[in-house]
Amino acid sequence: MKAKSALAAVASELPDWTFLTNHAHVLICLARDPDVVLRDVAVFVGITERAVQRIVAELEDAGYLERKRDGRRNKYRLMLQKPLRHPVEKNCHIKDLVGLIK
């Protein structure tokens, strides 16, 4: 019981923001498991399934991933050589981001 309350106290002290965006979180989930169901990604990232679907569509449209149908499921392939979009990270690639976290 004390361990749970200690964890809750630590969690309540954490800020509401994170260093990475939901787009990065989704990319990392897909890098870890290319066969993952988007519903599971949503739970892991902490956003709605619809938000994950929108992010995947945006990443696909921008050329950061490919979606391939495999029966009733999708399989995702990241374009690891694509550069990150922000000017601060323009010299880094998707593989660099995934490599840090994966």
PDB file of N, CA and C in Angstrom:
ATOM      1  N   MET A   1       0.817  -1.180   0.000  1.00  0.00           N
ATOM      2  CA  MET A   1       0.000   0.000   0.000  1.00  0.00           C
ATOM      3  C   MET A   1       0.868   1.255   0.000  1.00  0.00           C
ATOM      4  N   LYS A   2       1.940   1.268   0.780  1.00  0.00           N
ATOM      5  CA  LYS A   2       2.820   2.424   0.831  1.00  0.00           C
ATOM      6  C   LYS A   2       3.519   2.654  -0.498  1.00  0.00           C
ATOM      7  N   ALA A   3       3.876   1.555  -1.192  1.00  0.00           N
ATOM      8  CA  ALA A   3       4.548   1.686  -2.490  1.00  0.00           C
ATOM      9  C   ALA A   3       3.641   2.383  -3.497  1.00  0.00           C
ATOM     10  N   LYS A   4       2.363   2.028  -3.502  1.00  0.00           N
ATOM     11  CA  LYS A   4       1.421   2.666  -4.433  1.00  0.00           C
ATOM     12  C   LYS A   4       1.283   4.150  -4.141  1.00  0.00           C
ATOM     13  N   SER A   5       1.186   4.503  -2.866  1.00  0.00           N
ATOM     14  CA  SER A   5       1.035   5.912  -2.529  1.00  0.00           C
ATOM     15  C   SER A   5       2.308   6.680  -2.844  1.00  0.00           C
ATOM     16  N   ALA A   6       3.465   6.057  -2.691  1.00  0.00           N
ATOM     17  CA  ALA A   6       4.728   6.709  -3.038  1.00  0.00           C
ATOM     18  C   ALA A   6       4.809   6.945  -4.542  1.00  0.00           C
ATOM     19  N   LEU A   7       4.384   5.947  -5.330  1.00  0.00           N
ATOM     20  CA  LEU A   7       4.373   6.116  -6.783  1.00  0.00           C
ATOM     21  C   LEU A   7       3.395   7.193  -7.208  1.00  0.00           C
ATOM     22  N   ALA A   8       2.245   7.224  -6.593  1.00  0.00           N
ATOM     23  CA  ALA A   8       1.247   8.251  -6.912  1.00  0.00           C
ATOM     24  C   ALA A   8       1.785   9.631  -6.576  1.00  0.00           C
ATOM     25  N   ALA A   9       2.518   9.757  -5.478  1.00  0.00           N
ATOM     26  CA  ALA A   9       3.091  11.045  -5.092  1.00  0.00           C
ATOM     27  C   ALA A   9       4.130  11.503  -6.112  1.00  0.00           C
ATOM     28  N   VAL A  10       4.959  10.579  -6.570  1.00  0.00           N
ATOM     29  CA  VAL A  10       5.970  10.919  -7.573  1.00  0.00           C
ATOM     30  C   VAL A  10       5.295  11.309  -8.882  1.00  0.00           C
ATOM     31  N   ALA A  11       4.275  10.546  -9.297  1.00  0.00           N
ATOM     32  CA  ALA A  11       3.568  10.840 -10.545  1.00  0.00           C
ATOM     33  C   ALA A  11       2.886  12.194 -10.484  1.00  0.00           C
ATOM     34  N   SER A  12       2.367  12.559  -9.324  1.00  0.00           N
ATOM     35  CA  SER A  12       1.677  13.851  -9.223  1.00  0.00           C
ATOM     36  C   SER A  12       2.652  15.017  -9.275  1.00  0.00           C
ATOM     37  N   GLU A  13       3.938  14.764  -9.002  1.00  0.00           N
ATOM     38  CA  GLU A  13       4.950  15.814  -9.054  1.00  0.00           C
ATOM     39  C   GLU A  13       5.500  16.016 -10.466  1.00  0.00           C
ATOM     40  N   LEU A  14       5.230  15.087 -11.361  1.00  0.00           N
ATOM     41  CA  LEU A  14       5.734  15.203 -12.723  1.00  0.00           C
ATOM     42  C   LEU A  14       4.958  16.279 -13.481  1.00  0.00           C
ATOM     43  N   PRO A  15       5.633  17.006 -14.363  1.00  0.00           N
ATOM     44  CA  PRO A  15       4.921  18.023 -15.154  1.00  0.00           C
ATOM     45  C   PRO A  15       3.976  17.365 -16.161  1.00  0.00           C
ATOM     46  N   ASP A  16       3.023  18.137 -16.662  1.00  0.00           N
ATOM     47  CA  ASP A  16       2.055  17.618 -17.628  1.00  0.00           C
ATOM     48  C   ASP A  16       2.627  17.486 -19.030  1.00  0.00           C
ATOM     49  N   TRP A  17       3.750  18.104 -19.315  1.00  0.00           N
ATOM     50  CA  TRP A  17       4.313  18.094 -20.659  1.00  0.00           C
ATOM     51  C   TRP A  17       5.344  16.974 -20.802  1.00  0.00           C
ATOM     52  N   THR A  18       5.659  16.646 -22.065  1.00  0.00           N
ATOM     53  CA  THR A  18       6.701  15.657 -22.355  1.00  0.00           C
ATOM     54  C   THR A  18       7.668  16.260 -23.372  1.00  0.00           C
ATOM     55  N   PHE A  19       8.807  15.633 -23.543  1.00  0.00           N
ATOM     56  CA  PHE A  19       9.799  16.136 -24.481  1.00  0.00           C
ATOM     57  C   PHE A  19       9.470  15.793 -25.928  1.00  0.00           C
ATOM     58  N   LEU A  20       8.709  14.747 -26.144  1.00  0.00           N
ATOM     59  CA  LEU A  20       8.399  14.317 -27.500  1.00  0.00           C
ATOM     60  C   LEU A  20       6.923  14.526 -27.806  1.00  0.00           C
ATOM     61  N   THR A  21       6.624  14.700 -29.077  1.00  0.00           N
ATOM     62  CA  THR A  21       5.245  14.893 -29.514  1.00  0.00           C
ATOM     63  C   THR A  21       4.541  13.547 -29.652  1.00  0.00           C
ATOM     64  N   ASN A  22       3.235  13.593 -29.823  1.00  0.00           N
ATOM     65  CA  ASN A  22       2.488  12.365 -30.079  1.00  0.00           C
ATOM     66  C   ASN A  22       2.919  11.727 -31.389  1.00  0.00           C
ATOM     67  N   HIS A  23       3.310  12.536 -32.378  1.00  0.00           N
ATOM     68  CA  HIS A  23       3.805  11.978 -33.635  1.00  0.00           C
ATOM     69  C   HIS A  23       5.053  11.122 -33.371  1.00  0.00           C
ATOM     70  N   ALA A  24       5.958  11.616 -32.548  1.00  0.00           N
ATOM     71  CA  ALA A  24       7.166  10.849 -32.210  1.00  0.00           C
ATOM     72  C   ALA A  24       6.804   9.594 -31.431  1.00  0.00           C
ATOM     73  N   HIS A  25       5.878   9.718 -30.503  1.00  0.00           N
ATOM     74  CA  HIS A  25       5.467   8.545 -29.724  1.00  0.00           C
ATOM     75  C   HIS A  25       4.880   7.463 -30.627  1.00  0.00           C
ATOM     76  N   VAL A  26       4.044   7.853 -31.570  1.00  0.00           N
ATOM     77  CA  VAL A  26       3.451   6.890 -32.504  1.00  0.00           C
ATOM     78  C   VAL A  26       4.544   6.248 -33.355  1.00  0.00           C
ATOM     79  N   LEU A  27       5.459   7.046 -33.880  1.00  0.00           N
ATOM     80  CA  LEU A  27       6.571   6.506 -34.682  1.00  0.00           C
ATOM     81  C   LEU A  27       7.368   5.473 -33.890  1.00  0.00           C
ATOM     82  N   ILE A  28       7.655   5.785 -32.655  1.00  0.00           N
ATOM     83  CA  ILE A  28       8.436   4.874 -31.821  1.00  0.00           C
ATOM     84  C   ILE A  28       7.681   3.570 -31.590  1.00  0.00           C
ATOM     85  N   CYS A  29       6.385   3.652 -31.348  1.00  0.00           N
ATOM     86  CA  CYS A  29       5.577   2.433 -31.184  1.00  0.00           C
ATOM     87  C   CYS A  29       5.604   1.581 -32.443  1.00  0.00           C
ATOM     88  N   LEU A  30       5.487   2.219 -33.598  1.00  0.00           N
ATOM     89  CA  LEU A  30       5.503   1.479 -34.862  1.00  0.00           C
ATOM     90  C   LEU A  30       6.882   0.899 -35.146  1.00  0.00           C
ATOM     91  N   ALA A  31       7.934   1.578 -34.710  1.00  0.00           N
ATOM     92  CA  ALA A  31       9.290   1.054 -34.878  1.00  0.00           C
ATOM     93  C   ALA A  31       9.504  -0.175 -34.007  1.00  0.00           C
ATOM     94  N   ARG A  32       8.949  -0.148 -32.817  1.00  0.00           N
ATOM     95  CA  ARG A  32       9.095  -1.282 -31.900  1.00  0.00           C
ATOM     96  C   ARG A  32       8.340  -2.503 -32.386  1.00  0.00           C
ATOM     97  N   ASP A  33       7.163  -2.277 -32.975  1.00  0.00           N
ATOM     98  CA  ASP A  33       6.328  -3.397 -33.425  1.00  0.00           C
ATOM     99  C   ASP A  33       5.577  -2.983 -34.688  1.00  0.00           C
ATOM    100  N   PRO A  34       6.118  -3.297 -35.868  1.00  0.00           N
ATOM    101  CA  PRO A  34       5.477  -2.897 -37.132  1.00  0.00           C
ATOM    102  C   PRO A  34       4.101  -3.526 -37.357  1.00  0.00           C
ATOM    103  N   ASP A  35       3.766  -4.558 -36.594  1.00  0.00           N
ATOM    104  CA  ASP A  35       2.476  -5.241 -36.731  1.00  0.00           C
ATOM    105  C   ASP A  35       1.465  -4.795 -35.673  1.00  0.00           C
ATOM    106  N   VAL A  36       1.800  -3.800 -34.892  1.00  0.00           N
ATOM    107  CA  VAL A  36       0.954  -3.386 -33.771  1.00  0.00           C
ATOM    108  C   VAL A  36      -0.402  -2.883 -34.271  1.00  0.00           C
ATOM    109  N   VAL A  37      -1.424  -3.097 -33.466  1.00  0.00           N
ATOM    110  CA  VAL A  37      -2.764  -2.600 -33.756  1.00  0.00           C
ATOM    111  C   VAL A  37      -2.830  -1.160 -33.248  1.00  0.00           C
ATOM    112  N   LEU A  38      -3.407  -0.264 -34.043  1.00  0.00           N
ATOM    113  CA  LEU A  38      -3.430   1.145 -33.672  1.00  0.00           C
ATOM    114  C   LEU A  38      -4.179   1.386 -32.358  1.00  0.00           C
ATOM    115  N   ARG A  39      -5.114   0.547 -32.041  1.00  0.00           N
ATOM    116  CA  ARG A  39      -5.815   0.649 -30.751  1.00  0.00           C
ATOM    117  C   ARG A  39      -4.822   0.515 -29.601  1.00  0.00           C
ATOM    118  N   ASP A  40      -3.861  -0.400 -29.756  1.00  0.00           N
ATOM    119  CA  ASP A  40      -2.842  -0.596 -28.722  1.00  0.00           C
ATOM    120  C   ASP A  40      -1.886   0.597 -28.657  1.00  0.00           C
ATOM    121  N   VAL A  41      -1.567   1.163 -29.805  1.00  0.00           N
ATOM    122  CA  VAL A  41      -0.728   2.367 -29.838  1.00  0.00           C
ATOM    123  C   VAL A  41      -1.427   3.494 -29.081  1.00  0.00           C
ATOM    124  N   ALA A  42      -2.720   3.647 -29.314  1.00  0.00           N
ATOM    125  CA  ALA A  42      -3.488   4.700 -28.649  1.00  0.00           C
ATOM    126  C   ALA A  42      -3.419   4.554 -27.134  1.00  0.00           C
ATOM    127  N   VAL A  43      -3.589   3.337 -26.648  1.00  0.00           N
ATOM    128  CA  VAL A  43      -3.544   3.092 -25.205  1.00  0.00           C
ATOM    129  C   VAL A  43      -2.151   3.417 -24.670  1.00  0.00           C
ATOM    130  N   PHE A  44      -1.127   2.965 -25.360  1.00  0.00           N
ATOM    131  CA  PHE A  44       0.247   3.163 -24.908  1.00  0.00           C
ATOM    132  C   PHE A  44       0.623   4.647 -24.899  1.00  0.00           C
ATOM    133  N   VAL A  45       0.234   5.374 -25.955  1.00  0.00           N
ATOM    134  CA  VAL A  45       0.579   6.797 -26.067  1.00  0.00           C
ATOM    135  C   VAL A  45      -0.321   7.651 -25.176  1.00  0.00           C
ATOM    136  N   GLY A  46      -1.535   7.177 -24.942  1.00  0.00           N
ATOM    137  CA  GLY A  46      -2.453   7.931 -24.095  1.00  0.00           C
ATOM    138  C   GLY A  46      -3.316   8.915 -24.860  1.00  0.00           C
ATOM    139  N   ILE A  47      -3.621   8.569 -26.113  1.00  0.00           N
ATOM    140  CA  ILE A  47      -4.487   9.397 -26.944  1.00  0.00           C
ATOM    141  C   ILE A  47      -5.556   8.502 -27.555  1.00  0.00           C
ATOM    142  N   THR A  48      -6.508   9.088 -28.255  1.00  0.00           N
ATOM    143  CA  THR A  48      -7.579   8.286 -28.841  1.00  0.00           C
ATOM    144  C   THR A  48      -7.079   7.510 -30.054  1.00  0.00           C
ATOM    145  N   GLU A  49      -7.807   6.463 -30.377  1.00  0.00           N
ATOM    146  CA  GLU A  49      -7.472   5.677 -31.567  1.00  0.00           C
ATOM    147  C   GLU A  49      -7.607   6.546 -32.818  1.00  0.00           C
ATOM    148  N   ARG A  50      -8.613   7.395 -32.835  1.00  0.00           N
ATOM    149  CA  ARG A  50      -8.816   8.295 -33.980  1.00  0.00           C
ATOM    150  C   ARG A  50      -7.625   9.246 -34.147  1.00  0.00           C
ATOM    151  N   ALA A  51      -7.073   9.726 -33.046  1.00  0.00           N
ATOM    152  CA  ALA A  51      -5.895  10.602 -33.110  1.00  0.00           C
ATOM    153  C   ALA A  51      -4.696   9.839 -33.676  1.00  0.00           C
ATOM    154  N   VAL A  52      -4.548   8.579 -33.275  1.00  0.00           N
ATOM    155  CA  VAL A  52      -3.456   7.754 -33.816  1.00  0.00           C
ATOM    156  C   VAL A  52      -3.652   7.551 -35.315  1.00  0.00           C
ATOM    157  N   GLN A  53      -4.878   7.274 -35.746  1.00  0.00           N
ATOM    158  CA  GLN A  53      -5.153   7.094 -37.170  1.00  0.00           C
ATOM    159  C   GLN A  53      -4.797   8.357 -37.958  1.00  0.00           C
ATOM    160  N   ARG A  54      -5.131   9.530 -37.398  1.00  0.00           N
ATOM    161  CA  ARG A  54      -4.815  10.797 -38.066  1.00  0.00           C
ATOM    162  C   ARG A  54      -3.301  10.995 -38.151  1.00  0.00           C
ATOM    163  N   ILE A  55      -2.594  10.700 -37.062  1.00  0.00           N
ATOM    164  CA  ILE A  55      -1.135  10.843 -37.042  1.00  0.00           C
ATOM    165  C   ILE A  55      -0.495   9.896 -38.050  1.00  0.00           C
ATOM    166  N   VAL A  56      -0.946   8.642 -38.101  1.00  0.00           N
ATOM    167  CA  VAL A  56      -0.407   7.668 -39.059  1.00  0.00           C
ATOM    168  C   VAL A  56      -0.646   8.160 -40.488  1.00  0.00           C
ATOM    169  N   ALA A  57      -1.832   8.676 -40.765  1.00  0.00           N
ATOM    170  CA  ALA A  57      -2.136   9.202 -42.102  1.00  0.00           C
ATOM    171  C   ALA A  57      -1.221  10.377 -42.437  1.00  0.00           C
ATOM    172  N   GLU A  58      -0.984  11.270 -41.484  1.00  0.00           N
ATOM    173  CA  GLU A  58      -0.100  12.413 -41.715  1.00  0.00           C
ATOM    174  C   GLU A  58       1.337  11.954 -41.961  1.00  0.00           C
ATOM    175  N   LEU A  59       1.796  10.996 -41.173  1.00  0.00           N
ATOM    176  CA  LEU A  59       3.159  10.473 -41.350  1.00  0.00           C
ATOM    177  C   LEU A  59       3.304   9.758 -42.686  1.00  0.00           C
ATOM    178  N   GLU A  60       2.268   9.050 -43.079  1.00  0.00           N
ATOM    179  CA  GLU A  60       2.285   8.362 -44.371  1.00  0.00           C
ATOM    180  C   GLU A  60       2.274   9.369 -45.520  1.00  0.00           C
ATOM    181  N   ASP A  61       1.409  10.382 -45.435  1.00  0.00           N
ATOM    182  CA  ASP A  61       1.339  11.418 -46.471  1.00  0.00           C
ATOM    183  C   ASP A  61       2.662  12.166 -46.618  1.00  0.00           C
ATOM    184  N   ALA A  62       3.365  12.356 -45.503  1.00  0.00           N
ATOM    185  CA  ALA A  62       4.641  13.080 -45.524  1.00  0.00           C
ATOM    186  C   ALA A  62       5.819  12.179 -45.901  1.00  0.00           C
ATOM    187  N   GLY A  63       5.558  10.882 -46.094  1.00  0.00           N
ATOM    188  CA  GLY A  63       6.610   9.962 -46.519  1.00  0.00           C
ATOM    189  C   GLY A  63       7.466   9.405 -45.401  1.00  0.00           C
ATOM    190  N   TYR A  64       6.990   9.500 -44.157  1.00  0.00           N
ATOM    191  CA  TYR A  64       7.766   8.993 -43.032  1.00  0.00           C
ATOM    192  C   TYR A  64       7.496   7.527 -42.728  1.00  0.00           C
ATOM    193  N   LEU A  65       6.420   6.993 -43.277  1.00  0.00           N
ATOM    194  CA  LEU A  65       6.152   5.567 -43.123  1.00  0.00           C
ATOM    195  C   LEU A  65       5.311   5.075 -44.283  1.00  0.00           C
ATOM    196  N   GLU A  66       5.372   3.768 -44.482  1.00  0.00           N
ATOM    197  CA  GLU A  66       4.527   3.090 -45.468  1.00  0.00           C
ATOM    198  C   GLU A  66       3.632   2.130 -44.715  1.00  0.00           C
ATOM    199  N   ARG A  67       2.405   2.062 -45.176  1.00  0.00           N
ATOM    200  CA  ARG A  67       1.426   1.143 -44.587  1.00  0.00           C
ATOM    201  C   ARG A  67       1.126   0.090 -45.647  1.00  0.00           C
ATOM    202  N   LYS A  68       1.249  -1.168 -45.264  1.00  0.00           N
ATOM    203  CA  LYS A  68       0.985  -2.265 -46.194  1.00  0.00           C
ATOM    204  C   LYS A  68      -0.056  -3.189 -45.574  1.00  0.00           C
ATOM    205  N   ARG A  69      -1.057  -3.491 -46.359  1.00  0.00           N
ATOM    206  CA  ARG A  69      -2.117  -4.382 -45.900  1.00  0.00           C
ATOM    207  C   ARG A  69      -1.599  -5.812 -45.884  1.00  0.00           C
ATOM    208  N   ASP A  70      -1.844  -6.525 -44.788  1.00  0.00           N
ATOM    209  CA  ASP A  70      -1.421  -7.917 -44.641  1.00  0.00           C
ATOM    210  C   ASP A  70      -2.621  -8.687 -44.097  1.00  0.00           C
ATOM    211  N   GLY A  71      -3.470  -9.176 -45.009  1.00  0.00           N
ATOM    212  CA  GLY A  71      -4.719  -9.813 -44.596  1.00  0.00           C
ATOM    213  C   GLY A  71      -5.664  -8.756 -44.055  1.00  0.00           C
ATOM    214  N   ARG A  72      -6.079  -8.935 -42.820  1.00  0.00           N
ATOM    215  CA  ARG A  72      -6.981  -7.968 -42.183  1.00  0.00           C
ATOM    216  C   ARG A  72      -6.225  -6.930 -41.371  1.00  0.00           C
ATOM    217  N   ARG A  73      -4.909  -7.019 -41.360  1.00  0.00           N
ATOM    218  CA  ARG A  73      -4.084  -6.133 -40.534  1.00  0.00           C
ATOM    219  C   ARG A  73      -3.207  -5.260 -41.413  1.00  0.00           C
ATOM    220  N   ASN A  74      -2.642  -4.246 -40.815  1.00  0.00           N
ATOM    221  CA  ASN A  74      -1.657  -3.401 -41.481  1.00  0.00           C
ATOM    222  C   ASN A  74      -0.282  -3.688 -40.905  1.00  0.00           C
ATOM    223  N   LYS A  75       0.715  -3.518 -41.743  1.00  0.00           N
ATOM    224  CA  LYS A  75       2.108  -3.622 -41.317  1.00  0.00           C
ATOM    225  C   LYS A  75       2.741  -2.285 -41.683  1.00  0.00           C
ATOM    226  N   TYR A  76       3.557  -1.739 -40.795  1.00  0.00           N
ATOM    227  CA  TYR A  76       4.119  -0.412 -40.990  1.00  0.00           C
ATOM    228  C   TYR A  76       5.630  -0.492 -41.168  1.00  0.00           C
ATOM    229  N   ARG A  77       6.118   0.309 -42.101  1.00  0.00           N
ATOM    230  CA  ARG A  77       7.559   0.380 -42.359  1.00  0.00           C
ATOM    231  C   ARG A  77       7.972   1.836 -42.283  1.00  0.00           C
ATOM    232  N   LEU A  78       8.906   2.148 -41.406  1.00  0.00           N
ATOM    233  CA  LEU A  78       9.388   3.512 -41.259  1.00  0.00           C
ATOM    234  C   LEU A  78      10.460   3.810 -42.285  1.00  0.00           C
ATOM    235  N   MET A  79      10.462   5.020 -42.765  1.00  0.00           N
ATOM    236  CA  MET A  79      11.493   5.496 -43.680  1.00  0.00           C
ATOM    237  C   MET A  79      12.602   6.119 -42.823  1.00  0.00           C
ATOM    238  N   LEU A  80      13.509   5.280 -42.383  1.00  0.00           N
ATOM    239  CA  LEU A  80      14.497   5.672 -41.380  1.00  0.00           C
ATOM    240  C   LEU A  80      15.473   6.747 -41.849  1.00  0.00           C
ATOM    241  N   GLN A  81      15.630   6.918 -43.149  1.00  0.00           N
ATOM    242  CA  GLN A  81      16.568   7.918 -43.664  1.00  0.00           C
ATOM    243  C   GLN A  81      15.958   9.308 -43.819  1.00  0.00           C
ATOM    244  N   LYS A  82      14.651   9.424 -43.587  1.00  0.00           N
ATOM    245  CA  LYS A  82      13.996  10.731 -43.715  1.00  0.00           C
ATOM    246  C   LYS A  82      14.473  11.659 -42.600  1.00  0.00           C
ATOM    247  N   PRO A  83      14.764  12.904 -42.938  1.00  0.00           N
ATOM    248  CA  PRO A  83      15.187  13.857 -41.901  1.00  0.00           C
ATOM    249  C   PRO A  83      14.002  14.300 -41.042  1.00  0.00           C
ATOM    250  N   LEU A  84      14.296  14.675 -39.825  1.00  0.00           N
ATOM    251  CA  LEU A  84      13.278  15.258 -38.965  1.00  0.00           C
ATOM    252  C   LEU A  84      12.914  16.624 -39.521  1.00  0.00           C
ATOM    253  N   ARG A  85      11.746  17.136 -39.182  1.00  0.00           N
ATOM    254  CA  ARG A  85      11.182  18.307 -39.856  1.00  0.00           C
ATOM    255  C   ARG A  85      11.589  19.653 -39.286  1.00  0.00           C
ATOM    256  N   HIS A  86      11.809  19.749 -38.005  1.00  0.00           N
ATOM    257  CA  HIS A  86      12.090  21.045 -37.390  1.00  0.00           C
ATOM    258  C   HIS A  86      13.514  21.490 -37.715  1.00  0.00           C
ATOM    259  N   PRO A  87      13.733  22.782 -37.947  1.00  0.00           N
ATOM    260  CA  PRO A  87      15.091  23.267 -38.265  1.00  0.00           C
ATOM    261  C   PRO A  87      16.141  22.893 -37.216  1.00  0.00           C
ATOM    262  N   VAL A  88      15.757  22.800 -35.967  1.00  0.00           N
ATOM    263  CA  VAL A  88      16.712  22.429 -34.919  1.00  0.00           C
ATOM    264  C   VAL A  88      17.217  20.999 -35.118  1.00  0.00           C
ATOM    265  N   GLU A  89      16.361  20.110 -35.660  1.00  0.00           N
ATOM    266  CA  GLU A  89      16.720  18.698 -35.831  1.00  0.00           C
ATOM    267  C   GLU A  89      16.972  18.308 -37.275  1.00  0.00           C
ATOM    268  N   LYS A  90      17.080  19.259 -38.175  1.00  0.00           N
ATOM    269  CA  LYS A  90      17.138  18.941 -39.602  1.00  0.00           C
ATOM    270  C   LYS A  90      18.324  18.050 -39.988  1.00  0.00           C
ATOM    271  N   ASN A  91      19.351  17.995 -39.166  1.00  0.00           N
ATOM    272  CA  ASN A  91      20.492  17.140 -39.465  1.00  0.00           C
ATOM    273  C   ASN A  91      20.340  15.736 -38.892  1.00  0.00           C
ATOM    274  N   CYS A  92      19.217  15.469 -38.251  1.00  0.00           N
ATOM    275  CA  CYS A  92      18.936  14.151 -37.683  1.00  0.00           C
ATOM    276  C   CYS A  92      17.878  13.454 -38.521  1.00  0.00           C
ATOM    277  N   HIS A  93      17.885  12.142 -38.451  1.00  0.00           N
ATOM    278  CA  HIS A  93      16.946  11.324 -39.217  1.00  0.00           C
ATOM    279  C   HIS A  93      16.030  10.535 -38.277  1.00  0.00           C
ATOM    280  N   ILE A  94      15.006   9.948 -38.842  1.00  0.00           N
ATOM    281  CA  ILE A  94      14.074   9.129 -38.077  1.00  0.00           C
ATOM    282  C   ILE A  94      14.838   8.026 -37.329  1.00  0.00           C
ATOM    283  N   LYS A  95      15.841   7.437 -37.977  1.00  0.00           N
ATOM    284  CA  LYS A  95      16.612   6.365 -37.320  1.00  0.00           C
ATOM    285  C   LYS A  95      17.293   6.866 -36.067  1.00  0.00           C
ATOM    286  N   ASP A  96      17.715   8.137 -36.046  1.00  0.00           N
ATOM    287  CA  ASP A  96      18.355   8.698 -34.860  1.00  0.00           C
ATOM    288  C   ASP A  96      17.356   8.793 -33.707  1.00  0.00           C
ATOM    289  N   LEU A  97      16.163   9.278 -34.006  1.00  0.00           N
ATOM    290  CA  LEU A  97      15.124   9.400 -32.987  1.00  0.00           C
ATOM    291  C   LEU A  97      14.736   8.033 -32.448  1.00  0.00           C
ATOM    292  N   VAL A  98      14.479   7.105 -33.330  1.00  0.00           N
ATOM    293  CA  VAL A  98      14.067   5.756 -32.926  1.00  0.00           C
ATOM    294  C   VAL A  98      15.195   5.076 -32.148  1.00  0.00           C
ATOM    295  N   GLY A  99      16.418   5.288 -32.581  1.00  0.00           N
ATOM    296  CA  GLY A  99      17.565   4.680 -31.905  1.00  0.00           C
ATOM    297  C   GLY A  99      17.742   5.157 -30.479  1.00  0.00           C
ATOM    298  N   LEU A 100      17.363   6.386 -30.211  1.00  0.00           N
ATOM    299  CA  LEU A 100      17.473   6.917 -28.854  1.00  0.00           C
ATOM    300  C   LEU A 100      16.510   6.238 -27.891  1.00  0.00           C
ATOM    301  N   ILE A 101      15.329   5.909 -28.378  1.00  0.00           N
ATOM    302  CA  ILE A 101      14.258   5.457 -27.499  1.00  0.00           C
ATOM    303  C   ILE A 101      14.028   3.950 -27.576  1.00  0.00           C
ATOM    304  N   LYS A 102      14.175   3.386 -28.730  1.00  0.00           N
ATOM    305  CA  LYS A 102      13.793   1.988 -28.974  1.00  0.00           C
ATOM    306  C   LYS A 102      14.533   1.087 -28.027  1.00  0.00           C
TER     307      LYS A 102
END
